[in-house]
Amino acid sequence: MDSSSTTIDNTSRNTLPPPNSPSMEILAWDPTTFDFMPGNTKQDPGVLIAPKMSAYNLDPPKEQIRISANSAGNVWQGSVLVTRNTSFLHLFLGDATTEVVFDGTHNNFAVSDLPRYFWVQAQEGYSADMRDMEIRIQAQNLPQGVTLPDDFVKFTCVWVDTPQINFSGTVSADDSAGDNYKNNTDTGNTDLGFQNYNPPGAGAAVGWGFEASGLVHPSNFSYPNSDLKLDRDSLYRAYVGQNLWPNQNFKNFGPIPPGNDTSIAAYRDDNPDSDASGNIYDLDAPWLACVNSPQNEVRRGRWDFKEFASITVLGALLIDSPITTFYMDYSVIQQDAPNGTNWVLLDPSNPAAVPGDNDASVYYDPSGPPPPVTWNLQ
């Protein structure tokens, strides 16, 4: 903020303001440009941050800010008071570990000690509206007749609730990816569950459709160039009878984010504004190709999944939700003689069936071992 931001009260004196007047400024760092945010962008769109959530071991980067003041040649020998409008926002000194106490003393910094760098992090809470969190500076003990407007930085802290998984029913009406999903089913429907599909570039297949959804906070979230989405990591095996299916792209859980099984954009709805309740969506149908095979051949698919929200904040790709873990297992049998591509779910009464097959469900111990992906689920 330059001297044009200084207001001089001349009601008691008939003099012009000095050319070098007291001023103060708070700036927010943009790690993607390696510079401070220009102009009033620190207020609109403001700074996008993600919350530290101890229950989920999530500790995202802190945002750096700089507070400076011009004493105008010691004309202003006062201080700058730093305030916040929510207890969710935490301020740290330049070492990024010593937290500032907002008690009117420890958050009050002498002009002579400025400029100084600080770090900001939201903890255990998130935004209810865009740009609803704020760090503000207020001039203290200004010379008589001099006033300075407050300066401030706005923050939006985005968070997504635990992803919910639907394995049956139909695609949500608010899911903008529903038409693309429908177009890849054999019969042009939005049903979830087991059916025939034509996955892009894969040809005829059978699969089990599911829909993940996550409630975004704030529900009206919209930030320039945001890459917020539901992402997914998978552990996958497939079998012909009791043997691994040759030449398959099997997957193993790895470091996240990103996931190793992210849905294509056409199968996602990344915009919470498209849903009156503020959800984002992820559709998929783990599939097995309808290969030409002998009658009564059995093929099996085994999947474990981790579903989570991800977003790039302050230059880092982050997990921004709890992780939902779930599995999907099914076996199919080819019915046509002597060979064909007529694959249907394997009936539990068939001697080739195994207990616990043809099932999909959420499980609630992501820290423990995942369900087995062996042919017999043992």
Protein backbone atom coordinates (compact mmCIF):
# COMPACT_ATOMS: atom_id res chain seq x y z
CA MET A 1 0.00 0.00 0.00
CA ASP A 2 1.50 3.35 -0.99
CA SER A 3 0.96 6.86 0.27
CA SER A 4 -2.20 7.20 -1.83
CA SER A 5 -3.84 4.95 0.76
CA THR A 6 -3.16 7.45 3.58
CA THR A 7 -5.97 9.72 4.67
CA ILE A 8 -4.99 13.04 6.31
CA ASP A 9 -7.40 14.81 8.59
CA ASN A 10 -6.85 18.57 8.06
CA THR A 11 -9.83 19.81 10.00
CA SER A 12 -7.54 21.29 12.68
CA ARG A 13 -4.71 22.53 10.49
CA ASN A 14 -4.33 24.04 7.05
CA THR A 15 -1.30 22.09 5.82
CA LEU A 16 -0.68 19.59 3.05
CA PRO A 17 0.23 16.03 3.94
CA PRO A 18 3.94 15.31 3.79
CA PRO A 19 5.06 13.59 0.58
CA ASN A 20 6.37 10.63 2.56
CA SER A 21 3.46 9.67 4.78
CA PRO A 22 3.00 6.75 7.16
CA SER A 23 1.70 3.62 5.47
CA MET A 24 1.34 -0.10 6.03
CA GLU A 25 0.70 -3.16 3.90
CA ILE A 26 0.01 -6.86 4.14
CA LEU A 27 0.95 -9.06 1.19
CA ALA A 28 0.27 -12.73 0.42
CA TRP A 29 2.82 -14.93 -1.34
CA ASP A 30 1.92 -16.89 -4.45
CA PRO A 31 4.29 -19.89 -4.68
CA THR A 32 3.21 -20.63 -8.25
CA THR A 33 4.59 -17.29 -9.50
CA PHE A 34 7.32 -16.87 -6.87
CA ASP A 35 6.00 -13.41 -6.11
CA PHE A 36 3.44 -11.66 -3.97
CA MET A 37 -0.13 -11.57 -5.25
CA PRO A 38 -0.62 -8.40 -7.31
CA GLY A 39 -3.06 -5.61 -6.56
CA ASN A 40 -6.19 -6.53 -4.67
CA THR A 41 -6.08 -10.20 -5.72
CA LYS A 42 -5.10 -10.90 -2.09
CA GLN A 43 -8.75 -10.08 -1.36
CA ASP A 44 -10.49 -11.31 -4.49
CA PRO A 45 -10.07 -14.13 -5.33
CA GLY A 46 -7.93 -14.19 -2.17
CA VAL A 47 -5.74 -17.07 -1.05
CA LEU A 48 -6.86 -20.68 -1.40
CA ILE A 49 -5.82 -22.89 1.52
CA ALA A 50 -6.63 -26.34 2.91
CA PRO A 51 -7.08 -27.14 6.60
CA LYS A 52 -4.86 -29.06 8.93
CA MET A 53 -7.01 -31.96 10.13
CA SER A 54 -5.27 -33.89 12.90
CA ALA A 55 -7.82 -36.70 12.95
CA TYR A 56 -6.81 -37.60 9.38
CA ASN A 57 -3.07 -36.82 9.67
CA LEU A 58 -3.41 -34.01 7.13
CA ASP A 59 -1.00 -31.09 7.57
CA PRO A 60 -0.99 -28.92 4.42
CA PRO A 61 1.53 -26.16 3.68
CA LYS A 62 1.23 -22.82 5.42
CA GLU A 63 0.74 -19.60 3.48
CA GLN A 64 3.41 -16.91 3.84
CA ILE A 65 2.45 -13.28 4.32
CA ARG A 66 4.55 -10.14 4.75
CA ILE A 67 3.56 -7.20 6.92
CA SER A 68 5.40 -3.94 6.35
CA ALA A 69 5.05 -0.35 7.53
CA ASN A 70 6.58 3.00 6.64
CA SER A 71 7.26 5.22 9.65
CA ALA A 72 7.83 8.25 7.37
CA GLY A 73 11.14 9.07 8.98
CA ASN A 74 9.98 8.14 12.50
CA VAL A 75 6.88 10.30 12.18
CA TRP A 76 4.91 7.18 13.07
CA GLN A 77 6.38 5.42 16.09
CA GLY A 78 3.35 3.26 16.80
CA SER A 79 2.54 -0.34 15.94
CA VAL A 80 0.50 -2.61 13.74
CA LEU A 81 -2.13 -4.85 15.31
CA VAL A 82 -2.74 -8.17 13.51
CA THR A 83 -6.21 -9.67 13.92
CA ARG A 84 -8.16 -12.64 12.60
CA ASN A 85 -11.89 -13.09 12.16
CA THR A 86 -12.00 -16.78 13.05
CA SER A 87 -10.21 -19.00 15.51
CA PHE A 88 -9.71 -21.52 12.69
CA LEU A 89 -6.93 -19.30 11.33
CA HIS A 90 -3.55 -19.61 13.04
CA LEU A 91 -0.64 -17.23 12.62
CA PHE A 92 3.01 -18.24 13.02
CA LEU A 93 6.22 -16.26 13.22
CA GLY A 94 8.85 -16.52 10.51
CA ASP A 95 10.15 -19.84 11.85
CA ALA A 96 6.73 -21.30 10.89
CA THR A 97 6.46 -23.08 14.26
CA THR A 98 6.05 -20.35 16.92
CA GLU A 99 2.37 -19.48 17.04
CA VAL A 100 1.22 -15.90 17.58
CA VAL A 101 -1.24 -15.43 20.44
CA PHE A 102 -4.08 -13.05 19.62
CA ASP A 103 -4.18 -11.30 22.97
CA GLY A 104 -3.62 -7.67 21.95
CA THR A 105 0.04 -7.83 22.98
CA HIS A 106 1.76 -10.68 21.16
CA ASN A 107 -0.11 -9.82 17.96
CA ASN A 108 0.89 -6.13 18.14
CA PHE A 109 4.14 -5.36 16.29
CA ALA A 110 6.15 -2.14 16.50
CA VAL A 111 6.54 -0.27 13.23
CA SER A 112 10.30 -0.26 13.86
CA ASP A 113 10.26 -4.09 13.81
CA LEU A 114 8.63 -4.27 10.40
CA PRO A 115 8.72 -5.67 7.77
CA ARG A 116 8.26 -9.19 9.08
CA TYR A 117 7.22 -12.48 7.51
CA PHE A 118 4.55 -14.71 8.98
CA TRP A 119 2.83 -17.97 8.12
CA VAL A 120 -0.91 -18.67 8.10
CA GLN A 121 -2.69 -22.01 8.41
CA ALA A 122 -6.30 -23.03 8.97
CA GLN A 123 -6.68 -25.77 11.54
CA GLU A 124 -9.57 -28.11 12.36
CA GLY A 125 -12.11 -26.04 10.41
CA TYR A 126 -13.02 -24.79 6.96
CA SER A 127 -14.87 -22.04 5.13
CA ALA A 128 -18.64 -21.69 5.09
CA ASP A 129 -18.46 -19.14 2.26
CA MET A 130 -15.93 -17.98 -0.26
CA ARG A 131 -13.30 -15.60 1.17
CA ASP A 132 -14.82 -15.70 4.64
CA MET A 133 -11.52 -16.00 6.55
CA GLU A 134 -9.34 -12.96 7.07
CA ILE A 135 -6.06 -11.70 8.50
CA ARG A 136 -6.27 -7.94 9.00
CA ILE A 137 -3.79 -5.27 10.10
CA GLN A 138 -4.77 -2.10 11.95
CA ALA A 139 -2.56 0.94 12.57
CA GLN A 140 -2.01 1.84 16.24
CA ASN A 141 -0.85 5.14 17.79
CA LEU A 142 -0.74 7.15 14.57
CA PRO A 143 0.41 10.81 14.64
CA GLN A 144 -2.34 13.30 15.33
CA GLY A 145 -4.42 13.98 12.25
CA VAL A 146 -3.25 10.89 10.37
CA THR A 147 -5.48 7.89 9.67
CA LEU A 148 -4.72 4.70 7.81
CA PRO A 149 -7.32 2.28 6.46
CA ASP A 150 -6.98 -1.33 7.52
CA ASP A 151 -5.36 -3.71 5.08
CA PHE A 152 -6.25 -7.39 4.89
CA VAL A 153 -5.90 -10.72 3.12
CA LYS A 154 -8.89 -12.99 2.44
CA PHE A 155 -8.69 -16.78 2.60
CA THR A 156 -10.94 -19.58 1.38
CA CYS A 157 -10.30 -22.85 3.20
CA VAL A 158 -11.71 -25.70 1.13
CA TRP A 159 -12.59 -29.11 2.55
CA VAL A 160 -14.58 -32.12 1.35
CA ASP A 161 -16.56 -34.39 3.66
CA THR A 162 -15.97 -38.15 3.70
CA PRO A 163 -16.73 -39.50 0.20
CA GLN A 164 -19.92 -41.54 0.03
CA ILE A 165 -20.11 -44.57 -2.30
CA ASN A 166 -23.29 -45.83 -3.97
CA PHE A 167 -23.18 -49.29 -5.55
CA SER A 168 -26.83 -49.51 -6.58
CA GLY A 169 -29.72 -47.31 -7.62
CA THR A 170 -29.13 -44.69 -10.29
CA VAL A 171 -26.67 -41.87 -10.96
CA SER A 172 -27.54 -38.70 -9.01
CA ALA A 173 -29.58 -36.20 -10.99
CA ASP A 174 -27.09 -33.48 -10.04
CA ASP A 175 -24.11 -35.42 -11.37
CA SER A 176 -23.26 -33.74 -14.69
CA ALA A 177 -21.27 -36.84 -15.75
CA GLY A 178 -24.45 -38.93 -15.78
CA ASP A 179 -25.04 -38.59 -19.52
CA ASN A 180 -21.52 -39.78 -20.33
CA TYR A 181 -21.99 -42.76 -18.05
CA LYS A 182 -25.34 -43.57 -19.68
CA ASN A 183 -23.81 -43.40 -23.15
CA ASN A 184 -21.29 -46.09 -22.18
CA THR A 185 -23.87 -48.63 -21.06
CA ASP A 186 -25.27 -51.16 -23.51
CA THR A 187 -28.88 -50.14 -22.91
CA GLY A 188 -28.38 -46.38 -22.34
CA ASN A 189 -29.35 -46.23 -18.67
CA THR A 190 -27.99 -44.58 -15.52
CA ASP A 191 -28.27 -47.69 -13.36
CA LEU A 192 -25.48 -48.46 -10.92
CA GLY A 193 -24.46 -52.04 -10.27
CA PHE A 194 -23.62 -54.93 -12.61
CA GLN A 195 -24.40 -54.59 -16.32
CA ASN A 196 -22.86 -54.52 -19.80
CA TYR A 197 -20.75 -51.53 -20.82
CA ASN A 198 -18.75 -50.22 -23.74
CA PRO A 199 -15.86 -48.43 -22.02
CA PRO A 200 -14.06 -45.84 -24.20
CA GLY A 201 -11.39 -47.64 -26.26
CA ALA A 202 -12.05 -51.00 -24.58
CA GLY A 203 -14.90 -52.58 -26.53
CA ALA A 204 -17.61 -54.74 -24.98
CA ALA A 205 -17.27 -55.39 -21.26
CA VAL A 206 -19.15 -56.27 -18.13
CA GLY A 207 -18.74 -54.03 -15.12
CA TRP A 208 -20.14 -52.85 -11.82
CA GLY A 209 -21.01 -49.16 -11.81
CA PHE A 210 -20.63 -47.06 -8.70
CA GLU A 211 -20.84 -43.37 -7.86
CA ALA A 212 -18.75 -41.52 -5.29
CA SER A 213 -19.84 -38.14 -3.97
CA GLY A 214 -18.28 -35.61 -1.62
CA LEU A 215 -19.84 -32.56 -0.02
CA VAL A 216 -17.63 -29.51 -0.54
CA HIS A 217 -17.16 -26.69 1.95
CA PRO A 218 -17.92 -23.99 1.08
CA SER A 219 -20.81 -25.35 -0.98
CA ASN A 220 -20.45 -22.42 -3.42
CA PHE A 221 -16.75 -23.15 -3.93
CA SER A 222 -15.35 -21.65 -7.12
CA TYR A 223 -11.73 -20.58 -7.43
CA PRO A 224 -9.76 -19.72 -10.58
CA ASN A 225 -7.94 -22.71 -12.08
CA SER A 226 -8.91 -25.00 -9.20
CA ASP A 227 -8.27 -28.70 -9.81
CA LEU A 228 -10.50 -29.95 -6.98
CA LYS A 229 -11.83 -33.43 -7.72
CA LEU A 230 -12.55 -36.84 -6.29
CA ASP A 231 -9.58 -39.10 -6.96
CA ARG A 232 -9.05 -42.81 -6.49
CA ASP A 233 -6.25 -45.29 -5.87
CA SER A 234 -6.71 -49.00 -6.52
CA LEU A 235 -5.36 -52.47 -5.87
CA TYR A 236 -6.46 -54.71 -8.76
CA ARG A 237 -6.13 -58.32 -9.83
CA ALA A 238 -8.04 -60.42 -12.39
CA TYR A 239 -8.15 -64.16 -12.92
CA VAL A 240 -9.08 -66.77 -15.49
CA GLY A 241 -10.40 -69.52 -13.27
CA GLN A 242 -7.78 -69.72 -10.52
CA ASN A 243 -4.89 -68.22 -12.50
CA LEU A 244 -3.91 -64.62 -13.01
CA TRP A 245 -5.31 -63.19 -16.24
CA PRO A 246 -2.27 -62.78 -18.54
CA ASN A 247 -1.16 -59.42 -19.90
CA GLN A 248 -3.30 -57.30 -17.60
CA ASN A 249 -2.40 -53.91 -16.16
CA PHE A 250 -2.59 -54.90 -12.51
CA LYS A 251 -2.38 -52.14 -9.93
CA ASN A 252 -1.05 -51.77 -6.39
CA PHE A 253 -1.75 -49.12 -3.79
CA GLY A 254 0.92 -46.42 -3.77
CA PRO A 255 1.64 -42.98 -2.36
CA ILE A 256 -1.28 -40.60 -2.79
CA PRO A 257 -2.10 -38.13 -4.19
CA PRO A 258 -2.49 -38.55 -7.08
CA GLY A 259 -4.38 -41.82 -7.32
CA ASN A 260 -3.43 -44.51 -9.82
CA ASP A 261 -7.04 -44.98 -10.96
CA THR A 262 -8.38 -41.45 -11.50
CA SER A 263 -11.57 -41.36 -13.52
CA ILE A 264 -11.40 -39.52 -16.85
CA ALA A 265 -12.89 -36.02 -16.73
CA ALA A 266 -16.00 -37.18 -18.62
CA TYR A 267 -16.84 -39.47 -15.68
CA ARG A 268 -16.43 -36.76 -13.03
CA ASP A 269 -18.34 -33.69 -11.92
CA ASP A 270 -15.75 -31.43 -10.30
CA ASN A 271 -18.02 -28.40 -9.90
CA PRO A 272 -19.96 -28.21 -6.62
CA ASP A 273 -21.94 -25.29 -8.04
CA SER A 274 -23.63 -27.72 -10.44
CA ASP A 275 -25.29 -29.36 -7.44
CA ALA A 276 -27.62 -27.42 -5.17
CA SER A 277 -26.15 -29.23 -2.16
CA GLY A 278 -22.51 -28.61 -3.15
CA ASN A 279 -21.36 -32.13 -4.07
CA ILE A 280 -18.68 -33.26 -6.47
CA TYR A 281 -18.91 -36.69 -8.09
CA ASP A 282 -16.84 -39.55 -9.47
CA LEU A 283 -18.30 -42.36 -11.59
CA ASP A 284 -16.65 -45.62 -12.56
CA ALA A 285 -17.53 -49.18 -13.56
CA PRO A 286 -14.66 -51.59 -12.86
CA TRP A 287 -14.92 -53.87 -15.85
CA LEU A 288 -13.79 -57.13 -17.39
CA ALA A 289 -13.52 -57.43 -21.16
CA CYS A 290 -16.03 -59.69 -22.90
CA VAL A 291 -13.38 -61.79 -24.62
CA ASN A 292 -14.34 -64.70 -26.86
CA SER A 293 -13.94 -67.75 -24.65
CA PRO A 294 -15.13 -71.37 -24.28
CA GLN A 295 -18.45 -72.12 -22.65
CA ASN A 296 -18.34 -72.20 -18.83
CA GLU A 297 -15.01 -70.39 -18.58
CA VAL A 298 -14.92 -68.26 -15.40
CA ARG A 299 -13.18 -64.91 -15.05
CA ARG A 300 -12.86 -62.92 -11.84
CA GLY A 301 -12.20 -59.29 -10.94
CA ARG A 302 -10.87 -58.17 -7.54
CA TRP A 303 -10.55 -54.52 -6.60
CA ASP A 304 -9.78 -52.54 -3.45
CA PHE A 305 -10.15 -48.75 -3.62
CA LYS A 306 -9.27 -45.57 -1.76
CA GLU A 307 -11.51 -42.62 -2.64
CA PHE A 308 -10.52 -39.11 -1.60
CA ALA A 309 -10.67 -35.47 -2.65
CA SER A 310 -7.52 -33.86 -3.99
CA ILE A 311 -6.61 -30.28 -4.84
CA THR A 312 -3.51 -28.24 -5.55
CA VAL A 313 -3.04 -25.61 -2.85
CA LEU A 314 -0.04 -23.29 -2.54
CA GLY A 315 1.72 -25.25 -5.26
CA ALA A 316 1.28 -28.67 -3.60
CA LEU A 317 -1.13 -31.46 -4.57
CA LEU A 318 -2.97 -32.47 -1.39
CA ILE A 319 -5.52 -34.87 0.01
CA ASP A 320 -8.42 -32.67 1.09
CA SER A 321 -10.88 -35.10 2.66
CA PRO A 322 -11.02 -38.24 4.74
CA ILE A 323 -10.26 -41.40 2.74
CA THR A 324 -13.07 -43.86 2.03
CA THR A 325 -11.93 -47.45 1.49
CA PHE A 326 -14.08 -49.99 -0.32
CA TYR A 327 -13.85 -53.21 -2.30
CA MET A 328 -15.55 -54.79 -5.29
CA ASP A 329 -15.39 -58.48 -6.22
CA TYR A 330 -17.29 -60.37 -8.86
CA SER A 331 -16.93 -63.42 -11.09
CA VAL A 332 -18.53 -64.02 -14.49
CA ILE A 333 -19.10 -67.12 -16.63
CA GLN A 334 -19.34 -67.42 -20.41
CA GLN A 335 -22.59 -69.16 -21.36
CA ASP A 336 -22.57 -69.69 -25.12
CA ALA A 337 -21.40 -72.95 -26.70
CA PRO A 338 -18.87 -73.83 -27.88
CA ASN A 339 -17.40 -70.29 -27.62
CA GLY A 340 -18.82 -66.83 -27.19
CA THR A 341 -18.89 -63.49 -25.43
CA ASN A 342 -22.04 -63.95 -23.38
CA TRP A 343 -20.74 -63.22 -19.88
CA VAL A 344 -23.05 -63.17 -16.87
CA LEU A 345 -22.54 -63.11 -13.10
CA LEU A 346 -21.52 -66.47 -11.70
CA ASP A 347 -24.34 -67.94 -9.66
CA PRO A 348 -23.36 -68.69 -6.02
CA SER A 349 -24.61 -72.28 -6.50
CA ASN A 350 -22.07 -72.94 -9.25
CA PRO A 351 -19.22 -75.21 -8.06
CA ALA A 352 -16.73 -72.57 -9.28
CA ALA A 353 -18.23 -69.91 -6.99
CA VAL A 354 -16.39 -68.78 -3.85
CA PRO A 355 -17.84 -67.36 -0.62
CA GLY A 356 -18.06 -63.57 -0.45
CA ASP A 357 -18.00 -63.06 -4.21
CA ASN A 358 -20.26 -60.72 -6.24
CA ASP A 359 -20.15 -58.08 -3.55
CA ALA A 360 -19.17 -54.44 -3.15
CA SER A 361 -18.98 -52.57 0.13
CA VAL A 362 -17.19 -49.88 2.12
CA TYR A 363 -14.79 -51.04 4.82
CA TYR A 364 -13.61 -48.81 7.64
CA ASP A 365 -10.02 -49.62 8.49
CA PRO A 366 -7.84 -47.83 5.91
CA SER A 367 -4.81 -48.18 8.19
CA GLY A 368 -5.03 -51.97 8.25
CA PRO A 369 -4.49 -54.55 5.52
CA PRO A 370 -6.94 -54.31 2.60
CA PRO A 371 -9.33 -57.15 1.81
CA PRO A 372 -7.65 -59.95 -0.18
CA VAL A 373 -7.63 -59.75 -3.98
CA THR A 374 -6.91 -63.46 -4.49
CA TRP A 375 -9.09 -65.57 -6.77
CA ASN A 376 -10.81 -67.23 -3.79
CA LEU A 377 -10.85 -64.10 -1.58
CA GLN A 378 -8.82 -65.93 1.08
